[in-house]
Amino acid sequence: MTEPVYWLNDRPADGALDGIARGIVLELCRQEGIEAVEGSLTPDDVHTADECLLCGTGAELLPMRSVDGRQMVRSPGPMTGNTQDAFHKLIEKETRRQG
């Protein structure tokens, strides 16, 4: 069974740039069997999600702890932690290979 993780950007997801960090996280989710949902989200989608992530090249992966002053139910949660761990292991592996 997979649980959805909602993907948020600083611009609408349906117009998001195809960034490196975004692509890595989507691939890691596929490898782990985590359903990554992309698209325009409503505030209700965010408020009812188990976990939400923000992602960017400089920021890497950041859990959303609150939205509009409302605490997230379980963020950061296990999917966020697992995805962050996998992301950092991949970055470490790739930088070692090139160094």
N, C-alpha and C. Protein backbone atom coordinates (compact mmCIF):
# COMPACT_ATOMS: atom_id res chain seq x y z
N MET A 1 0.84 -1.17 0.00
CA MET A 1 0.00 0.00 0.00
C MET A 1 0.89 1.25 0.00
N THR A 2 0.56 2.20 -0.83
CA THR A 2 1.32 3.44 -0.85
C THR A 2 0.46 4.58 -0.33
N GLU A 3 1.11 5.54 0.28
CA GLU A 3 0.42 6.74 0.73
C GLU A 3 0.86 7.88 -0.16
N PRO A 4 -0.03 8.82 -0.44
CA PRO A 4 0.39 9.92 -1.30
C PRO A 4 1.26 10.92 -0.54
N VAL A 5 2.20 11.46 -1.24
CA VAL A 5 2.96 12.59 -0.73
C VAL A 5 2.71 13.72 -1.73
N TYR A 6 2.34 14.86 -1.24
CA TYR A 6 2.02 15.97 -2.12
C TYR A 6 3.25 16.81 -2.37
N TRP A 7 3.44 17.15 -3.60
CA TRP A 7 4.61 17.86 -4.06
C TRP A 7 4.24 19.32 -4.26
N LEU A 8 4.94 20.21 -3.58
CA LEU A 8 4.65 21.63 -3.68
C LEU A 8 5.86 22.38 -4.19
N ASN A 9 5.62 23.42 -4.95
CA ASN A 9 6.67 24.28 -5.45
C ASN A 9 6.33 25.72 -5.11
N ASP A 10 7.28 26.61 -5.34
CA ASP A 10 6.99 28.02 -5.10
C ASP A 10 6.25 28.65 -6.26
N ARG A 11 5.90 27.86 -7.24
CA ARG A 11 5.04 28.26 -8.35
C ARG A 11 4.06 27.13 -8.59
N PRO A 12 2.98 27.33 -9.29
CA PRO A 12 2.00 26.24 -9.47
C PRO A 12 2.65 24.99 -10.05
N ALA A 13 2.30 23.85 -9.48
CA ALA A 13 2.91 22.59 -9.88
C ALA A 13 2.69 22.29 -11.35
N ASP A 14 1.56 22.72 -11.90
CA ASP A 14 1.32 22.42 -13.31
C ASP A 14 2.14 23.33 -14.22
N GLY A 15 2.88 24.28 -13.66
CA GLY A 15 3.77 25.13 -14.44
C GLY A 15 5.18 25.10 -13.89
N ALA A 16 5.49 24.11 -13.04
CA ALA A 16 6.80 24.04 -12.39
C ALA A 16 7.90 23.74 -13.39
N LEU A 17 9.05 24.29 -13.11
CA LEU A 17 10.21 23.98 -13.94
C LEU A 17 10.65 22.55 -13.67
N ASP A 18 11.22 21.93 -14.67
CA ASP A 18 11.70 20.56 -14.54
C ASP A 18 13.10 20.59 -13.93
N GLY A 19 13.17 20.91 -12.64
CA GLY A 19 14.45 21.07 -11.96
C GLY A 19 15.11 19.75 -11.61
N ILE A 20 16.40 19.83 -11.31
CA ILE A 20 17.19 18.64 -10.98
C ILE A 20 16.69 18.00 -9.69
N ALA A 21 16.54 18.80 -8.62
CA ALA A 21 16.10 18.24 -7.34
C ALA A 21 14.71 17.62 -7.48
N ARG A 22 13.82 18.29 -8.18
CA ARG A 22 12.46 17.76 -8.40
C ARG A 22 12.52 16.40 -9.08
N GLY A 23 13.32 16.30 -10.14
CA GLY A 23 13.44 15.03 -10.86
C GLY A 23 14.01 13.92 -10.00
N ILE A 24 15.00 14.25 -9.18
CA ILE A 24 15.61 13.25 -8.29
C ILE A 24 14.58 12.75 -7.29
N VAL A 25 13.84 13.67 -6.69
CA VAL A 25 12.85 13.26 -5.68
C VAL A 25 11.75 12.42 -6.30
N LEU A 26 11.28 12.79 -7.48
CA LEU A 26 10.25 11.98 -8.13
C LEU A 26 10.76 10.58 -8.43
N GLU A 27 12.00 10.48 -8.87
CA GLU A 27 12.59 9.16 -9.14
C GLU A 27 12.75 8.36 -7.86
N LEU A 28 13.20 8.99 -6.78
CA LEU A 28 13.33 8.29 -5.50
C LEU A 28 11.97 7.80 -5.01
N CYS A 29 10.94 8.59 -5.18
CA CYS A 29 9.59 8.17 -4.78
C CYS A 29 9.17 6.94 -5.58
N ARG A 30 9.41 6.98 -6.89
CA ARG A 30 9.07 5.80 -7.72
C ARG A 30 9.80 4.56 -7.24
N GLN A 31 11.10 4.70 -6.95
CA GLN A 31 11.90 3.56 -6.49
C GLN A 31 11.39 3.00 -5.16
N GLU A 32 10.88 3.87 -4.30
CA GLU A 32 10.41 3.46 -2.99
C GLU A 32 8.93 3.08 -2.97
N GLY A 33 8.26 3.19 -4.11
CA GLY A 33 6.83 2.87 -4.17
C GLY A 33 5.95 3.91 -3.52
N ILE A 34 6.45 5.15 -3.45
CA ILE A 34 5.67 6.24 -2.87
C ILE A 34 4.98 6.97 -4.01
N GLU A 35 3.68 7.14 -3.89
CA GLU A 35 2.94 7.86 -4.90
C GLU A 35 3.19 9.36 -4.75
N ALA A 36 3.79 9.97 -5.75
CA ALA A 36 4.04 11.41 -5.76
C ALA A 36 3.00 12.05 -6.66
N VAL A 37 2.20 12.93 -6.11
CA VAL A 37 1.11 13.56 -6.84
C VAL A 37 1.53 14.96 -7.23
N GLU A 38 1.49 15.26 -8.52
CA GLU A 38 1.79 16.60 -8.99
C GLU A 38 0.53 17.20 -9.58
N GLY A 39 0.41 18.49 -9.46
CA GLY A 39 -0.73 19.18 -10.02
C GLY A 39 -1.06 20.39 -9.18
N SER A 40 -2.07 21.11 -9.60
CA SER A 40 -2.51 22.27 -8.82
C SER A 40 -3.22 21.77 -7.57
N LEU A 41 -2.81 22.25 -6.43
CA LEU A 41 -3.37 21.81 -5.17
C LEU A 41 -4.22 22.91 -4.56
N THR A 42 -5.27 22.51 -3.92
CA THR A 42 -6.11 23.45 -3.18
C THR A 42 -5.59 23.53 -1.74
N PRO A 43 -5.95 24.58 -1.01
CA PRO A 43 -5.56 24.62 0.40
C PRO A 43 -6.06 23.39 1.16
N ASP A 44 -7.24 22.87 0.81
CA ASP A 44 -7.75 21.67 1.47
C ASP A 44 -6.87 20.46 1.21
N ASP A 45 -6.33 20.34 -0.01
CA ASP A 45 -5.40 19.24 -0.31
C ASP A 45 -4.21 19.28 0.64
N VAL A 46 -3.69 20.47 0.85
CA VAL A 46 -2.52 20.63 1.71
C VAL A 46 -2.88 20.39 3.17
N HIS A 47 -4.00 20.95 3.60
CA HIS A 47 -4.39 20.81 5.01
C HIS A 47 -4.72 19.37 5.39
N THR A 48 -5.15 18.55 4.44
CA THR A 48 -5.53 17.17 4.76
C THR A 48 -4.45 16.15 4.40
N ALA A 49 -3.35 16.60 3.82
CA ALA A 49 -2.27 15.67 3.46
C ALA A 49 -1.56 15.19 4.72
N ASP A 50 -1.11 13.95 4.69
CA ASP A 50 -0.32 13.43 5.81
C ASP A 50 1.02 14.15 5.90
N GLU A 51 1.66 14.33 4.76
CA GLU A 51 2.97 14.96 4.73
C GLU A 51 3.07 15.84 3.48
N CYS A 52 3.80 16.92 3.61
CA CYS A 52 4.06 17.80 2.47
C CYS A 52 5.53 18.18 2.47
N LEU A 53 6.09 18.28 1.27
CA LEU A 53 7.49 18.65 1.10
C LEU A 53 7.61 19.89 0.23
N LEU A 54 8.62 20.65 0.50
CA LEU A 54 9.07 21.70 -0.40
C LEU A 54 10.42 21.25 -0.93
N CYS A 55 10.70 21.53 -2.17
CA CYS A 55 11.95 21.06 -2.75
C CYS A 55 12.55 22.13 -3.64
N GLY A 56 13.85 22.25 -3.58
CA GLY A 56 14.57 23.17 -4.45
C GLY A 56 16.04 22.84 -4.41
N THR A 57 16.76 23.28 -5.41
CA THR A 57 18.17 22.95 -5.48
C THR A 57 18.92 23.45 -4.25
N GLY A 58 18.70 24.67 -3.84
CA GLY A 58 19.39 25.22 -2.67
C GLY A 58 18.84 24.69 -1.36
N ALA A 59 17.52 24.56 -1.29
CA ALA A 59 16.86 24.14 -0.05
C ALA A 59 16.88 22.63 0.13
N GLU A 60 17.12 21.89 -0.94
CA GLU A 60 17.01 20.44 -0.96
C GLU A 60 15.57 20.07 -0.60
N LEU A 61 15.36 19.26 0.44
CA LEU A 61 14.01 18.85 0.82
C LEU A 61 13.67 19.37 2.20
N LEU A 62 12.58 20.07 2.29
CA LEU A 62 12.15 20.61 3.57
C LEU A 62 10.72 20.19 3.86
N PRO A 63 10.47 19.66 5.06
CA PRO A 63 9.10 19.33 5.42
C PRO A 63 8.32 20.60 5.73
N MET A 64 7.08 20.62 5.34
CA MET A 64 6.20 21.72 5.72
C MET A 64 5.63 21.39 7.08
N ARG A 65 5.79 22.27 8.03
CA ARG A 65 5.29 22.03 9.38
C ARG A 65 3.93 22.66 9.59
N SER A 66 3.65 23.74 8.86
CA SER A 66 2.35 24.38 8.99
C SER A 66 2.02 25.11 7.69
N VAL A 67 0.74 25.31 7.47
CA VAL A 67 0.24 26.04 6.31
C VAL A 67 -0.86 26.96 6.81
N ASP A 68 -0.77 28.22 6.48
CA ASP A 68 -1.78 29.19 6.92
C ASP A 68 -1.98 29.15 8.44
N GLY A 69 -0.90 28.89 9.18
CA GLY A 69 -0.97 28.85 10.63
C GLY A 69 -1.52 27.55 11.20
N ARG A 70 -1.85 26.60 10.34
CA ARG A 70 -2.37 25.30 10.78
C ARG A 70 -1.25 24.27 10.74
N GLN A 71 -1.06 23.55 11.85
CA GLN A 71 -0.05 22.50 11.93
C GLN A 71 -0.39 21.37 10.97
N MET A 72 0.64 20.81 10.31
CA MET A 72 0.46 19.61 9.50
C MET A 72 0.24 18.44 10.46
N VAL A 73 -0.51 17.46 10.02
CA VAL A 73 -0.84 16.30 10.86
C VAL A 73 0.41 15.56 11.29
N ARG A 74 1.28 15.25 10.35
CA ARG A 74 2.41 14.36 10.62
C ARG A 74 3.63 14.79 9.80
N SER A 75 3.95 16.04 9.82
CA SER A 75 5.05 16.49 8.99
C SER A 75 6.06 17.22 9.84
N PRO A 76 7.32 16.80 9.87
CA PRO A 76 7.84 15.75 9.02
C PRO A 76 7.44 14.37 9.54
N GLY A 77 7.25 13.49 8.61
CA GLY A 77 6.86 12.13 8.95
C GLY A 77 7.82 11.13 8.33
N PRO A 78 7.47 9.85 8.35
CA PRO A 78 8.39 8.81 7.88
C PRO A 78 8.71 8.90 6.39
N MET A 79 7.74 9.26 5.56
CA MET A 79 8.04 9.36 4.12
C MET A 79 9.00 10.51 3.85
N THR A 80 8.81 11.61 4.55
CA THR A 80 9.73 12.75 4.40
C THR A 80 11.13 12.35 4.82
N GLY A 81 11.23 11.72 5.98
CA GLY A 81 12.54 11.29 6.47
C GLY A 81 13.21 10.29 5.54
N ASN A 82 12.46 9.31 5.06
CA ASN A 82 13.03 8.32 4.14
C ASN A 82 13.47 8.96 2.84
N THR A 83 12.68 9.88 2.33
CA THR A 83 13.02 10.55 1.07
C THR A 83 14.24 11.45 1.25
N GLN A 84 14.30 12.17 2.38
CA GLN A 84 15.48 13.00 2.67
C GLN A 84 16.74 12.13 2.77
N ASP A 85 16.64 11.01 3.48
CA ASP A 85 17.80 10.11 3.63
C ASP A 85 18.27 9.60 2.27
N ALA A 86 17.34 9.14 1.44
CA ALA A 86 17.68 8.62 0.11
C ALA A 86 18.29 9.72 -0.75
N PHE A 87 17.75 10.92 -0.67
CA PHE A 87 18.26 12.06 -1.43
C PHE A 87 19.70 12.35 -1.03
N HIS A 88 19.97 12.43 0.27
CA HIS A 88 21.33 12.74 0.73
C HIS A 88 22.32 11.62 0.40
N LYS A 89 21.89 10.37 0.48
CA LYS A 89 22.78 9.25 0.11
C LYS A 89 23.14 9.31 -1.37
N LEU A 90 22.16 9.64 -2.21
CA LEU A 90 22.42 9.74 -3.64
C LEU A 90 23.38 10.89 -3.93
N ILE A 91 23.17 12.04 -3.31
CA ILE A 91 24.07 13.19 -3.51
C ILE A 91 25.49 12.84 -3.06
N GLU A 92 25.59 12.19 -1.89
CA GLU A 92 26.92 11.80 -1.39
C GLU A 92 27.60 10.83 -2.35
N LYS A 93 26.86 9.85 -2.84
CA LYS A 93 27.40 8.87 -3.78
C LYS A 93 27.88 9.55 -5.07
N GLU A 94 27.06 10.45 -5.60
CA GLU A 94 27.40 11.12 -6.85
C GLU A 94 28.60 12.06 -6.69
N THR A 95 28.69 12.74 -5.58
CA THR A 95 29.81 13.67 -5.39
C THR A 95 31.12 12.90 -5.12
N ARG A 96 31.01 11.75 -4.45
CA ARG A 96 32.21 10.92 -4.25
C ARG A 96 32.72 10.39 -5.58
N ARG A 97 31.79 10.00 -6.45
CA ARG A 97 32.16 9.44 -7.75
C ARG A 97 32.88 10.47 -8.61
N GLN A 98 32.46 11.73 -8.52
CA GLN A 98 33.04 12.78 -9.35
C GLN A 98 34.29 13.39 -8.73
N GLY A 99 34.50 13.18 -7.43
CA GLY A 99 35.63 13.80 -6.74
C GLY A 99 36.81 12.95 -6.77
